[in-house]
């Protein structure tokens, strides 16, 4: 059965482009095009798509206003379509925190390579998001379903990708005002979006939130956010931010941060791997576990995409698999709440 996709954009040219991408991909069915958020709300209810691509900036009703109405009427996997402006980046991050699953960025130029990249990214994300999740049930557990209780961790590294902004926002909102350890969030995002994500987390989080700077000390009591498009590593008692080739297809890479934290802090690390496509973070979780640290993975029922947690679980390096609310409670407890 083909996956049903509804596209929403105020540009007739871009709507035609999206329809062409979907029509050309076996297994996808383009069920309709909406020109603004109001049309999208009505068409989502009438057409019952599996996935919606939703433009951020539109007349009549923009994507940020349409998203909660779509979710209230008929919860659907939504991919936000954003331009390169700071305003659009902020709105996209807000939409992701409210429940949109992922986003793609419109090409900044008319080069064929740009549209080929958009095609590949969009198809990959639609197919990943439309994969059915496990039903809501008792969480699957690993190694007995509990964390080894020793000394409190000195640092907690949280890695996430698709669906991760909402997950990290939920975890950040439950932290104490003065965590007894450091926390680091590595979310797969480009530069401008990472900056907006840090601002968004600061509004939700009781403790200080910082977008990591090169050479910044790893101090307890703060939540640090990795910069977009740069790798983040821990060296001694400081962060190192650097350019580099993608690792597991990503910059920043969760593996890079987790492996460096394991080298720097040994058994004093807790690694948390959240929802996301691919395998980034599985190797890092393994390094933390081998160093004697604690490891947690998000369960399938509450993951938008179960790829990254599944990869870590299959390696046999995860102490406990929990739903998102359980992870939020566990992290808050580890931080001294």
C-alpha atoms as a PDB file:
ATOM      1  CA  UNK A   1       0.000   0.000   0.000  1.00  0.00           C
ATOM      2  CA  UNK A   2       1.338   3.429  -0.963  1.00  0.00           C
ATOM      3  CA  UNK A   3       2.063   6.070   1.653  1.00  0.00           C
ATOM      4  CA  UNK A   4      -0.288   9.026   1.283  1.00  0.00           C
ATOM      5  CA  UNK A   5       1.365  12.455   1.254  1.00  0.00           C
ATOM      6  CA  UNK A   6      -0.299  15.888   1.415  1.00  0.00           C
ATOM      7  CA  UNK A   7       1.835  18.898   0.426  1.00  0.00           C
ATOM      8  CA  UNK A   8       1.260  22.447   1.709  1.00  0.00           C
ATOM      9  CA  UNK A   9       2.945  25.575   0.326  1.00  0.00           C
ATOM     10  CA  UNK A  10       1.908  29.014  -0.940  1.00  0.00           C
ATOM     11  CA  UNK A  11       4.243  28.754  -3.948  1.00  0.00           C
ATOM     12  CA  UNK A  12       2.639  27.028  -6.983  1.00  0.00           C
ATOM     13  CA  UNK A  13       6.130  26.290  -8.306  1.00  0.00           C
ATOM     14  CA  UNK A  14       7.239  24.580  -5.106  1.00  0.00           C
ATOM     15  CA  UNK A  15       3.956  22.656  -4.820  1.00  0.00           C
ATOM     16  CA  UNK A  16       4.549  21.341  -8.325  1.00  0.00           C
ATOM     17  CA  UNK A  17       8.110  20.429  -7.398  1.00  0.00           C
ATOM     18  CA  UNK A  18       6.986  18.523  -4.290  1.00  0.00           C
ATOM     19  CA  UNK A  19       4.254  16.709  -6.199  1.00  0.00           C
ATOM     20  CA  UNK A  20       6.803  15.668  -8.824  1.00  0.00           C
ATOM     21  CA  UNK A  21       9.166  14.296  -6.166  1.00  0.00           C
ATOM     22  CA  UNK A  22       6.395  12.248  -4.580  1.00  0.00           C
ATOM     23  CA  UNK A  23       4.938  10.985  -7.883  1.00  0.00           C
ATOM     24  CA  UNK A  24       8.391   9.819  -8.987  1.00  0.00           C
ATOM     25  CA  UNK A  25       8.998   7.711  -5.888  1.00  0.00           C
ATOM     26  CA  UNK A  26       7.556   4.175  -5.833  1.00  0.00           C
ATOM     27  CA  UNK A  27       5.518   3.577  -2.712  1.00  0.00           C
ATOM     28  CA  UNK A  28       4.441   7.206  -2.300  1.00  0.00           C
ATOM     29  CA  UNK A  29       1.087   8.657  -3.381  1.00  0.00           C
ATOM     30  CA  UNK A  30       0.477  12.404  -3.650  1.00  0.00           C
ATOM     31  CA  UNK A  31      -3.099  12.914  -2.416  1.00  0.00           C
ATOM     32  CA  UNK A  32      -3.379  16.691  -2.664  1.00  0.00           C
ATOM     33  CA  UNK A  33      -1.884  20.175  -2.483  1.00  0.00           C
ATOM     34  CA  UNK A  34      -2.929  22.961  -0.094  1.00  0.00           C
ATOM     35  CA  UNK A  35      -1.964  26.618  -0.580  1.00  0.00           C
ATOM     36  CA  UNK A  36      -2.160  27.770   3.038  1.00  0.00           C
ATOM     37  CA  UNK A  37      -2.613  26.462   6.565  1.00  0.00           C
ATOM     38  CA  UNK A  38      -6.393  26.773   6.580  1.00  0.00           C
ATOM     39  CA  UNK A  39      -6.662  24.581   3.482  1.00  0.00           C
ATOM     40  CA  UNK A  40      -4.172  22.158   5.055  1.00  0.00           C
ATOM     41  CA  UNK A  41      -6.302  21.683   8.175  1.00  0.00           C
ATOM     42  CA  UNK A  42      -9.406  20.898   6.099  1.00  0.00           C
ATOM     43  CA  UNK A  43      -7.589  18.639   3.636  1.00  0.00           C
ATOM     44  CA  UNK A  44      -5.765  16.724   6.373  1.00  0.00           C
ATOM     45  CA  UNK A  45      -9.112  15.829   7.950  1.00  0.00           C
ATOM     46  CA  UNK A  46     -10.716  14.922   4.612  1.00  0.00           C
ATOM     47  CA  UNK A  47      -7.839  13.040   2.945  1.00  0.00           C
ATOM     48  CA  UNK A  48      -6.245  11.254   5.948  1.00  0.00           C
ATOM     49  CA  UNK A  49      -2.633  11.449   4.712  1.00  0.00           C
ATOM     50  CA  UNK A  50       0.155   9.455   6.352  1.00  0.00           C
ATOM     51  CA  UNK A  51       2.616  12.359   6.079  1.00  0.00           C
ATOM     52  CA  UNK A  52       2.182  16.107   5.505  1.00  0.00           C
ATOM     53  CA  UNK A  53       4.843  18.511   4.236  1.00  0.00           C
ATOM     54  CA  UNK A  54       3.943  21.880   5.770  1.00  0.00           C
ATOM     55  CA  UNK A  55       5.411  25.212   4.705  1.00  0.00           C
ATOM     56  CA  UNK A  56       6.379  27.491   7.585  1.00  0.00           C
ATOM     57  CA  UNK A  57       5.615  30.918   6.055  1.00  0.00           C
ATOM     58  CA  UNK A  58       2.222  31.248   4.282  1.00  0.00           C
ATOM     59  CA  UNK A  59      -0.620  33.771   4.023  1.00  0.00           C
ATOM     60  CA  UNK A  60      -4.071  33.255   5.615  1.00  0.00           C
ATOM     61  CA  UNK A  61      -2.688  30.763   8.169  1.00  0.00           C
ATOM     62  CA  UNK A  62       1.008  29.896   8.493  1.00  0.00           C
ATOM     63  CA  UNK A  63       2.447  26.489   9.284  1.00  0.00           C
ATOM     64  CA  UNK A  64       2.998  27.207  12.968  1.00  0.00           C
ATOM     65  CA  UNK A  65      -0.681  28.106  13.408  1.00  0.00           C
ATOM     66  CA  UNK A  66      -1.901  25.175  11.314  1.00  0.00           C
ATOM     67  CA  UNK A  67       0.183  22.501  13.055  1.00  0.00           C
ATOM     68  CA  UNK A  68      -1.730  22.303  16.376  1.00  0.00           C
ATOM     69  CA  UNK A  69      -5.045  22.351  14.514  1.00  0.00           C
ATOM     70  CA  UNK A  70      -3.960  19.440  12.359  1.00  0.00           C
ATOM     71  CA  UNK A  71      -2.762  17.511  15.395  1.00  0.00           C
ATOM     72  CA  UNK A  72      -5.983  18.181  17.291  1.00  0.00           C
ATOM     73  CA  UNK A  73      -8.144  17.051  14.363  1.00  0.00           C
ATOM     74  CA  UNK A  74      -6.114  14.078  13.140  1.00  0.00           C
ATOM     75  CA  UNK A  75      -2.584  13.508  14.491  1.00  0.00           C
ATOM     76  CA  UNK A  76      -0.255  13.054  11.511  1.00  0.00           C
ATOM     77  CA  UNK A  77       3.477  12.921  10.881  1.00  0.00           C
ATOM     78  CA  UNK A  78       4.434  16.435   9.722  1.00  0.00           C
ATOM     79  CA  UNK A  79       7.620  17.558   7.968  1.00  0.00           C
ATOM     80  CA  UNK A  80       8.061  21.332   8.143  1.00  0.00           C
ATOM     81  CA  UNK A  81       9.403  23.051   5.012  1.00  0.00           C
ATOM     82  CA  UNK A  82      11.534  26.050   5.973  1.00  0.00           C
ATOM     83  CA  UNK A  83      13.385  28.831   4.205  1.00  0.00           C
ATOM     84  CA  UNK A  84      16.882  29.970   5.237  1.00  0.00           C
ATOM     85  CA  UNK A  85      15.744  33.052   7.196  1.00  0.00           C
ATOM     86  CA  UNK A  86      16.224  33.369  10.931  1.00  0.00           C
ATOM     87  CA  UNK A  87      12.491  33.986  11.374  1.00  0.00           C
ATOM     88  CA  UNK A  88      11.685  30.751   9.535  1.00  0.00           C
ATOM     89  CA  UNK A  89      14.321  28.867  11.536  1.00  0.00           C
ATOM     90  CA  UNK A  90      12.798  30.032  14.823  1.00  0.00           C
ATOM     91  CA  UNK A  91       9.300  29.074  13.685  1.00  0.00           C
ATOM     92  CA  UNK A  92      10.533  25.668  12.526  1.00  0.00           C
ATOM     93  CA  UNK A  93      12.182  24.923  15.868  1.00  0.00           C
ATOM     94  CA  UNK A  94       8.979  25.986  17.618  1.00  0.00           C
ATOM     95  CA  UNK A  95       6.966  23.643  15.374  1.00  0.00           C
ATOM     96  CA  UNK A  96       9.328  20.754  16.128  1.00  0.00           C
ATOM     97  CA  UNK A  97       8.946  21.376  19.854  1.00  0.00           C
ATOM     98  CA  UNK A  98       5.157  21.308  19.391  1.00  0.00           C
ATOM     99  CA  UNK A  99       5.181  17.926  17.687  1.00  0.00           C
ATOM    100  CA  UNK A 100       6.273  18.233  14.060  1.00  0.00           C
ATOM    101  CA  UNK A 101       8.452  15.227  13.314  1.00  0.00           C
ATOM    102  CA  UNK A 102      11.179  16.734  11.139  1.00  0.00           C
ATOM    103  CA  UNK A 103      12.000  19.482   8.641  1.00  0.00           C
ATOM    104  CA  UNK A 104      13.638  20.155   5.293  1.00  0.00           C
ATOM    105  CA  UNK A 105      15.027  23.457   4.039  1.00  0.00           C
ATOM    106  CA  UNK A 106      14.080  24.921   0.678  1.00  0.00           C
ATOM    107  CA  UNK A 107      17.032  25.217  -1.720  1.00  0.00           C
ATOM    108  CA  UNK A 108      18.623  28.650  -1.603  1.00  0.00           C
ATOM    109  CA  UNK A 109      19.416  28.539  -5.326  1.00  0.00           C
ATOM    110  CA  UNK A 110      18.036  27.052  -8.515  1.00  0.00           C
ATOM    111  CA  UNK A 111      20.911  24.631  -9.145  1.00  0.00           C
ATOM    112  CA  UNK A 112      19.909  21.096 -10.079  1.00  0.00           C
ATOM    113  CA  UNK A 113      22.181  19.648  -7.387  1.00  0.00           C
ATOM    114  CA  UNK A 114      20.232  21.571  -4.735  1.00  0.00           C
ATOM    115  CA  UNK A 115      16.932  20.078  -5.858  1.00  0.00           C
ATOM    116  CA  UNK A 116      18.421  16.606  -6.145  1.00  0.00           C
ATOM    117  CA  UNK A 117      19.585  16.915  -2.531  1.00  0.00           C
ATOM    118  CA  UNK A 118      16.114  18.072  -1.473  1.00  0.00           C
ATOM    119  CA  UNK A 119      14.537  15.118  -3.291  1.00  0.00           C
ATOM    120  CA  UNK A 120      16.821  12.601  -1.573  1.00  0.00           C
ATOM    121  CA  UNK A 121      16.355  14.136   1.880  1.00  0.00           C
ATOM    122  CA  UNK A 122      12.582  14.486   1.613  1.00  0.00           C
ATOM    123  CA  UNK A 123      11.999  10.941   0.349  1.00  0.00           C
ATOM    124  CA  UNK A 124      14.237   9.467   3.053  1.00  0.00           C
ATOM    125  CA  UNK A 125      12.388  11.332   5.784  1.00  0.00           C
ATOM    126  CA  UNK A 126       8.911  10.523   4.481  1.00  0.00           C
ATOM    127  CA  UNK A 127       9.726   6.820   4.290  1.00  0.00           C
ATOM    128  CA  UNK A 128      11.287   6.800   7.777  1.00  0.00           C
ATOM    129  CA  UNK A 129       8.408   8.674   9.384  1.00  0.00           C
ATOM    130  CA  UNK A 130       5.744   6.487   7.822  1.00  0.00           C
ATOM    131  CA  UNK A 131       7.182   3.293   9.324  1.00  0.00           C
ATOM    132  CA  UNK A 132       4.640   2.081  11.916  1.00  0.00           C
ATOM    133  CA  UNK A 133       5.660   2.301  15.542  1.00  0.00           C
ATOM    134  CA  UNK A 134       5.036  -0.311  18.190  1.00  0.00           C
ATOM    135  CA  UNK A 135       1.827   0.005  20.132  1.00  0.00           C
ATOM    136  CA  UNK A 136       1.706   1.676  23.488  1.00  0.00           C
ATOM    137  CA  UNK A 137       2.569  -1.050  25.941  1.00  0.00           C
ATOM    138  CA  UNK A 138       4.980  -1.992  28.652  1.00  0.00           C
ATOM    139  CA  UNK A 139       8.428  -0.647  27.703  1.00  0.00           C
ATOM    140  CA  UNK A 140      10.975  -3.176  26.508  1.00  0.00           C
ATOM    141  CA  UNK A 141      13.868  -3.362  28.937  1.00  0.00           C
ATOM    142  CA  UNK A 142      17.494  -4.384  28.727  1.00  0.00           C
ATOM    143  CA  UNK A 143      19.811  -5.788  31.433  1.00  0.00           C
ATOM    144  CA  UNK A 144      16.975  -6.105  33.930  1.00  0.00           C
ATOM    145  CA  UNK A 145      15.428  -2.720  33.210  1.00  0.00           C
ATOM    146  CA  UNK A 146      17.233  -0.580  35.774  1.00  0.00           C
ATOM    147  CA  UNK A 147      20.303   1.598  35.930  1.00  0.00           C
ATOM    148  CA  UNK A 148      23.284   0.462  37.976  1.00  0.00           C
ATOM    149  CA  UNK A 149      23.267   2.734  41.004  1.00  0.00           C
ATOM    150  CA  UNK A 150      26.707   3.968  41.918  1.00  0.00           C
ATOM    151  CA  UNK A 151      28.136   7.444  42.171  1.00  0.00           C
ATOM    152  CA  UNK A 152      26.074  10.185  40.526  1.00  0.00           C
ATOM    153  CA  UNK A 153      27.287  10.979  36.991  1.00  0.00           C
ATOM    154  CA  UNK A 154      29.503  13.986  36.406  1.00  0.00           C
ATOM    155  CA  UNK A 155      28.087  14.520  32.923  1.00  0.00           C
ATOM    156  CA  UNK A 156      24.967  13.378  31.045  1.00  0.00           C
ATOM    157  CA  UNK A 157      25.173  13.324  27.237  1.00  0.00           C
ATOM    158  CA  UNK A 158      21.821  13.316  25.418  1.00  0.00           C
ATOM    159  CA  UNK A 159      21.848  12.474  21.713  1.00  0.00           C
ATOM    160  CA  UNK A 160      18.871  12.912  19.379  1.00  0.00           C
ATOM    161  CA  UNK A 161      17.841  13.329  15.749  1.00  0.00           C
ATOM    162  CA  UNK A 162      14.384  13.009  14.138  1.00  0.00           C
ATOM    163  CA  UNK A 163      11.793  13.897  16.786  1.00  0.00           C
ATOM    164  CA  UNK A 164      14.531  14.918  19.173  1.00  0.00           C
ATOM    165  CA  UNK A 165      13.642  18.574  19.683  1.00  0.00           C
ATOM    166  CA  UNK A 166      10.329  17.691  21.325  1.00  0.00           C
ATOM    167  CA  UNK A 167      12.009  14.929  23.344  1.00  0.00           C
ATOM    168  CA  UNK A 168      14.856  17.151  24.558  1.00  0.00           C
ATOM    169  CA  UNK A 169      12.410  19.950  25.393  1.00  0.00           C
ATOM    170  CA  UNK A 170      10.406  17.506  27.537  1.00  0.00           C
ATOM    171  CA  UNK A 171      13.551  16.369  29.379  1.00  0.00           C
ATOM    172  CA  UNK A 172      14.873  19.919  29.843  1.00  0.00           C
ATOM    173  CA  UNK A 173      11.580  21.090  31.321  1.00  0.00           C
ATOM    174  CA  UNK A 174      11.886  18.561  34.151  1.00  0.00           C
ATOM    175  CA  UNK A 175      15.429  19.434  35.245  1.00  0.00           C
ATOM    176  CA  UNK A 176      16.168  21.040  38.619  1.00  0.00           C
ATOM    177  CA  UNK A 177      17.285  24.656  38.809  1.00  0.00           C
ATOM    178  CA  UNK A 178      20.765  23.588  39.882  1.00  0.00           C
ATOM    179  CA  UNK A 179      21.698  20.168  38.462  1.00  0.00           C
ATOM    180  CA  UNK A 180      24.566  18.552  40.328  1.00  0.00           C
ATOM    181  CA  UNK A 181      26.148  17.466  37.029  1.00  0.00           C
ATOM    182  CA  UNK A 182      26.680  18.861  33.532  1.00  0.00           C
ATOM    183  CA  UNK A 183      24.296  18.024  30.692  1.00  0.00           C
ATOM    184  CA  UNK A 184      25.104  18.117  26.973  1.00  0.00           C
ATOM    185  CA  UNK A 185      22.467  17.916  24.223  1.00  0.00           C
ATOM    186  CA  UNK A 186      23.606  16.888  20.736  1.00  0.00           C
ATOM    187  CA  UNK A 187      20.784  17.304  18.215  1.00  0.00           C
ATOM    188  CA  UNK A 188      21.315  16.926  14.468  1.00  0.00           C
ATOM    189  CA  UNK A 189      20.759  20.515  13.273  1.00  0.00           C
ATOM    190  CA  UNK A 190      22.431  23.039  10.971  1.00  0.00           C
ATOM    191  CA  UNK A 191      23.850  26.254  12.424  1.00  0.00           C
ATOM    192  CA  UNK A 192      20.958  28.718  12.514  1.00  0.00           C
ATOM    193  CA  UNK A 193      18.523  26.094  13.755  1.00  0.00           C
ATOM    194  CA  UNK A 194      20.852  25.071  16.594  1.00  0.00           C
ATOM    195  CA  UNK A 195      21.014  28.673  17.786  1.00  0.00           C
ATOM    196  CA  UNK A 196      17.226  28.915  17.796  1.00  0.00           C
ATOM    197  CA  UNK A 197      16.964  25.539  19.511  1.00  0.00           C
ATOM    198  CA  UNK A 198      19.217  26.734  22.341  1.00  0.00           C
ATOM    199  CA  UNK A 199      17.008  29.815  22.769  1.00  0.00           C
ATOM    200  CA  UNK A 200      13.899  27.628  22.798  1.00  0.00           C
ATOM    201  CA  UNK A 201      15.378  25.246  25.390  1.00  0.00           C
ATOM    202  CA  UNK A 202      16.326  28.193  27.600  1.00  0.00           C
ATOM    203  CA  UNK A 203      12.644  29.151  27.758  1.00  0.00           C
ATOM    204  CA  UNK A 204      11.633  25.640  28.851  1.00  0.00           C
ATOM    205  CA  UNK A 205      14.539  24.722  31.122  1.00  0.00           C
ATOM    206  CA  UNK A 206      14.835  25.852  34.781  1.00  0.00           C
ATOM    207  CA  UNK A 207      18.658  25.709  34.685  1.00  0.00           C
ATOM    208  CA  UNK A 208      21.027  27.800  32.535  1.00  0.00           C
ATOM    209  CA  UNK A 209      21.293  26.786  28.861  1.00  0.00           C
ATOM    210  CA  UNK A 210      24.365  27.581  26.742  1.00  0.00           C
ATOM    211  CA  UNK A 211      25.201  27.068  23.079  1.00  0.00           C
ATOM    212  CA  UNK A 212      28.672  25.578  23.495  1.00  0.00           C
ATOM    213  CA  UNK A 213      31.706  27.759  22.723  1.00  0.00           C
ATOM    214  CA  UNK A 214      35.119  26.364  21.917  1.00  0.00           C
ATOM    215  CA  UNK A 215      37.222  26.162  25.084  1.00  0.00           C
ATOM    216  CA  UNK A 216      34.248  26.600  27.406  1.00  0.00           C
ATOM    217  CA  UNK A 217      34.674  24.765  30.717  1.00  0.00           C
ATOM    218  CA  UNK A 218      32.451  21.784  31.448  1.00  0.00           C
ATOM    219  CA  UNK A 219      30.756  23.114  34.568  1.00  0.00           C
ATOM    220  CA  UNK A 220      28.007  21.451  36.615  1.00  0.00           C
ATOM    221  CA  UNK A 221      24.571  23.040  36.827  1.00  0.00           C
ATOM    222  CA  UNK A 222      24.147  23.840  33.128  1.00  0.00           C
ATOM    223  CA  UNK A 223      22.676  22.330  29.967  1.00  0.00           C
ATOM    224  CA  UNK A 224      25.002  22.767  26.998  1.00  0.00           C
ATOM    225  CA  UNK A 225      23.741  22.557  23.395  1.00  0.00           C
ATOM    226  CA  UNK A 226      26.011  21.509  20.515  1.00  0.00           C
ATOM    227  CA  UNK A 227      26.461  24.036  17.718  1.00  0.00           C
ATOM    228  CA  UNK A 228      25.031  23.169  14.312  1.00  0.00           C
ATOM    229  CA  UNK A 229      27.436  22.014  11.623  1.00  0.00           C
ATOM    230  CA  UNK A 230      30.346  21.534  14.055  1.00  0.00           C
ATOM    231  CA  UNK A 231      31.547  18.534  16.044  1.00  0.00           C
ATOM    232  CA  UNK A 232      31.529  18.813  19.830  1.00  0.00           C
ATOM    233  CA  UNK A 233      34.080  16.910  21.928  1.00  0.00           C
ATOM    234  CA  UNK A 234      35.150  16.935  25.573  1.00  0.00           C
ATOM    235  CA  UNK A 235      38.874  17.306  26.254  1.00  0.00           C
ATOM    236  CA  UNK A 236      39.870  17.339  29.894  1.00  0.00           C
ATOM    237  CA  UNK A 237      37.589  19.841  31.605  1.00  0.00           C
ATOM    238  CA  UNK A 238      36.729  21.837  28.477  1.00  0.00           C
ATOM    239  CA  UNK A 239      34.685  21.558  25.296  1.00  0.00           C
ATOM    240  CA  UNK A 240      36.323  21.538  21.891  1.00  0.00           C
ATOM    241  CA  UNK A 241      34.231  22.669  18.913  1.00  0.00           C
ATOM    242  CA  UNK A 242      35.647  21.909  15.482  1.00  0.00           C
ATOM    243  CA  UNK A 243      34.878  21.447  11.818  1.00  0.00           C
ATOM    244  CA  UNK A 244      35.207  17.969  10.437  1.00  0.00           C
ATOM    245  CA  UNK A 245      33.888  15.353   8.076  1.00  0.00           C
ATOM    246  CA  UNK A 246      30.490  13.860   8.887  1.00  0.00           C
ATOM    247  CA  UNK A 247      30.529  10.901  11.259  1.00  0.00           C
ATOM    248  CA  UNK A 248      27.651   8.457  10.712  1.00  0.00           C
ATOM    249  CA  UNK A 249      26.480  11.065   8.192  1.00  0.00           C
ATOM    250  CA  UNK A 250      26.185  13.911  10.698  1.00  0.00           C
ATOM    251  CA  UNK A 251      27.908  17.058  11.950  1.00  0.00           C
ATOM    252  CA  UNK A 252      27.572  17.347  14.902  1.00  0.00           C
ATOM    253  CA  UNK A 253      27.880  13.621  15.563  1.00  0.00           C
ATOM    254  CA  UNK A 254      26.574  12.073  18.770  1.00  0.00           C
ATOM    255  CA  UNK A 255      29.303   9.422  18.566  1.00  0.00           C
ATOM    256  CA  UNK A 256      32.029  12.087  18.625  1.00  0.00           C
ATOM    257  CA  UNK A 257      30.649  13.714  21.777  1.00  0.00           C
ATOM    258  CA  UNK A 258      29.867  10.487  23.645  1.00  0.00           C
ATOM    259  CA  UNK A 259      33.195   8.834  22.863  1.00  0.00           C
ATOM    260  CA  UNK A 260      35.149  11.900  23.969  1.00  0.00           C
ATOM    261  CA  UNK A 261      33.083  12.173  27.165  1.00  0.00           C
ATOM    262  CA  UNK A 262      33.817   8.511  27.937  1.00  0.00           C
ATOM    263  CA  UNK A 263      37.551   9.168  27.519  1.00  0.00           C
ATOM    264  CA  UNK A 264      37.418  12.296  29.677  1.00  0.00           C
ATOM    265  CA  UNK A 265      35.120  11.148  32.487  1.00  0.00           C
ATOM    266  CA  UNK A 266      35.123   7.345  32.369  1.00  0.00           C
ATOM    267  CA  UNK A 267      32.476   5.861  34.631  1.00  0.00           C
ATOM    268  CA  UNK A 268      31.224   9.363  35.451  1.00  0.00           C
ATOM    269  CA  UNK A 269      29.200   9.569  32.209  1.00  0.00           C
ATOM    270  CA  UNK A 270      25.551   8.776  31.589  1.00  0.00           C
ATOM    271  CA  UNK A 271      24.661   8.408  27.922  1.00  0.00           C
ATOM    272  CA  UNK A 272      21.058   8.855  26.735  1.00  0.00           C
ATOM    273  CA  UNK A 273      20.136   8.003  23.155  1.00  0.00           C
ATOM    274  CA  UNK A 274      16.812   9.350  21.936  1.00  0.00           C
ATOM    275  CA  UNK A 275      14.678   9.087  18.805  1.00  0.00           C
ATOM    276  CA  UNK A 276      16.337   9.376  15.406  1.00  0.00           C
ATOM    277  CA  UNK A 277      17.158   7.820  12.030  1.00  0.00           C
ATOM    278  CA  UNK A 278      20.348   5.882  11.410  1.00  0.00           C
ATOM    279  CA  UNK A 279      23.033   4.636  13.808  1.00  0.00           C
ATOM    280  CA  UNK A 280      24.689   7.781  15.195  1.00  0.00           C
ATOM    281  CA  UNK A 281      25.166   7.396  18.951  1.00  0.00           C
ATOM    282  CA  UNK A 282      25.215   3.586  19.055  1.00  0.00           C
ATOM    283  CA  UNK A 283      29.008   3.469  19.018  1.00  0.00           C
ATOM    284  CA  UNK A 284      29.146   6.301  21.557  1.00  0.00           C
ATOM    285  CA  UNK A 285      26.772   4.470  23.890  1.00  0.00           C
ATOM    286  CA  UNK A 286      29.065   1.446  23.584  1.00  0.00           C
ATOM    287  CA  UNK A 287      32.092   3.542  24.564  1.00  0.00           C
ATOM    288  CA  UNK A 288      30.288   4.913  27.621  1.00  0.00           C
ATOM    289  CA  UNK A 289      29.181   1.434  28.701  1.00  0.00           C
ATOM    290  CA  UNK A 290      32.691   0.003  28.204  1.00  0.00           C
ATOM    291  CA  UNK A 291      34.087   2.833  30.364  1.00  0.00           C
ATOM    292  CA  UNK A 292      31.739   1.838  33.203  1.00  0.00           C
ATOM    293  CA  UNK A 293      29.161   4.571  32.662  1.00  0.00           C
ATOM    294  CA  UNK A 294      25.363   4.336  32.599  1.00  0.00           C
ATOM    295  CA  UNK A 295      23.377   4.047  29.361  1.00  0.00           C
ATOM    296  CA  UNK A 296      19.712   4.683  28.519  1.00  0.00           C
ATOM    297  CA  UNK A 297      17.817   4.358  25.225  1.00  0.00           C
ATOM    298  CA  UNK A 298      14.331   5.570  24.290  1.00  0.00           C
ATOM    299  CA  UNK A 299      11.764   2.863  23.606  1.00  0.00           C
ATOM    300  CA  UNK A 300      10.093   2.213  20.266  1.00  0.00           C
ATOM    301  CA  UNK A 301       6.604   3.209  21.391  1.00  0.00           C
ATOM    302  CA  UNK A 302       7.609   6.807  22.158  1.00  0.00           C
ATOM    303  CA  UNK A 303      10.290   7.284  19.457  1.00  0.00           C
ATOM    304  CA  UNK A 304       9.325   9.163  16.309  1.00  0.00           C
ATOM    305  CA  UNK A 305      11.935   7.010  14.546  1.00  0.00           C
ATOM    306  CA  UNK A 306      13.453   4.057  16.419  1.00  0.00           C
ATOM    307  CA  UNK A 307      16.622   3.739  14.312  1.00  0.00           C
ATOM    308  CA  UNK A 308      19.295   5.124  16.659  1.00  0.00           C
ATOM    309  CA  UNK A 309      17.973   3.586  19.909  1.00  0.00           C
ATOM    310  CA  UNK A 310      17.447   0.246  18.167  1.00  0.00           C
ATOM    311  CA  UNK A 311      21.041   0.213  16.898  1.00  0.00           C
ATOM    312  CA  UNK A 312      22.383   0.809  20.417  1.00  0.00           C
ATOM    313  CA  UNK A 313      20.098  -1.804  21.979  1.00  0.00           C
ATOM    314  CA  UNK A 314      21.129  -4.408  19.406  1.00  0.00           C
ATOM    315  CA  UNK A 315      24.768  -3.836  20.385  1.00  0.00           C
ATOM    316  CA  UNK A 316      23.939  -5.001  23.909  1.00  0.00           C
ATOM    317  CA  UNK A 317      25.351  -1.833  25.499  1.00  0.00           C
ATOM    318  CA  UNK A 318      22.142  -0.310  26.912  1.00  0.00           C
ATOM    319  CA  UNK A 319      21.359  -0.634  30.626  1.00  0.00           C
ATOM    320  CA  UNK A 320      17.714   0.365  30.375  1.00  0.00           C
ATOM    321  CA  UNK A 321      15.132   1.163  27.689  1.00  0.00           C
ATOM    322  CA  UNK A 322      12.447   3.621  28.786  1.00  0.00           C
ATOM    323  CA  UNK A 323       9.632   5.701  27.353  1.00  0.00           C
ATOM    324  CA  UNK A 324      10.225   9.433  27.071  1.00  0.00           C
ATOM    325  CA  UNK A 325       8.490  10.296  30.353  1.00  0.00           C
ATOM    326  CA  UNK A 326      10.538   7.632  32.124  1.00  0.00           C
ATOM    327  CA  UNK A 327      13.752   9.049  30.694  1.00  0.00           C
ATOM    328  CA  UNK A 328      12.767  12.570  31.798  1.00  0.00           C
ATOM    329  CA  UNK A 329      12.180  11.310  35.355  1.00  0.00           C
ATOM    330  CA  UNK A 330      15.426   9.313  35.400  1.00  0.00           C
ATOM    331  CA  UNK A 331      17.533  12.225  34.147  1.00  0.00           C
ATOM    332  CA  UNK A 332      15.939  14.602  36.660  1.00  0.00           C
ATOM    333  CA  UNK A 333      16.708  12.135  39.455  1.00  0.00           C
ATOM    334  CA  UNK A 334      20.321  11.738  38.324  1.00  0.00           C
ATOM    335  CA  UNK A 335      20.608  15.539  38.374  1.00  0.00           C
ATOM    336  CA  UNK A 336      19.483  15.639  41.996  1.00  0.00           C
ATOM    337  CA  UNK A 337      15.834  16.578  41.688  1.00  0.00           C
END
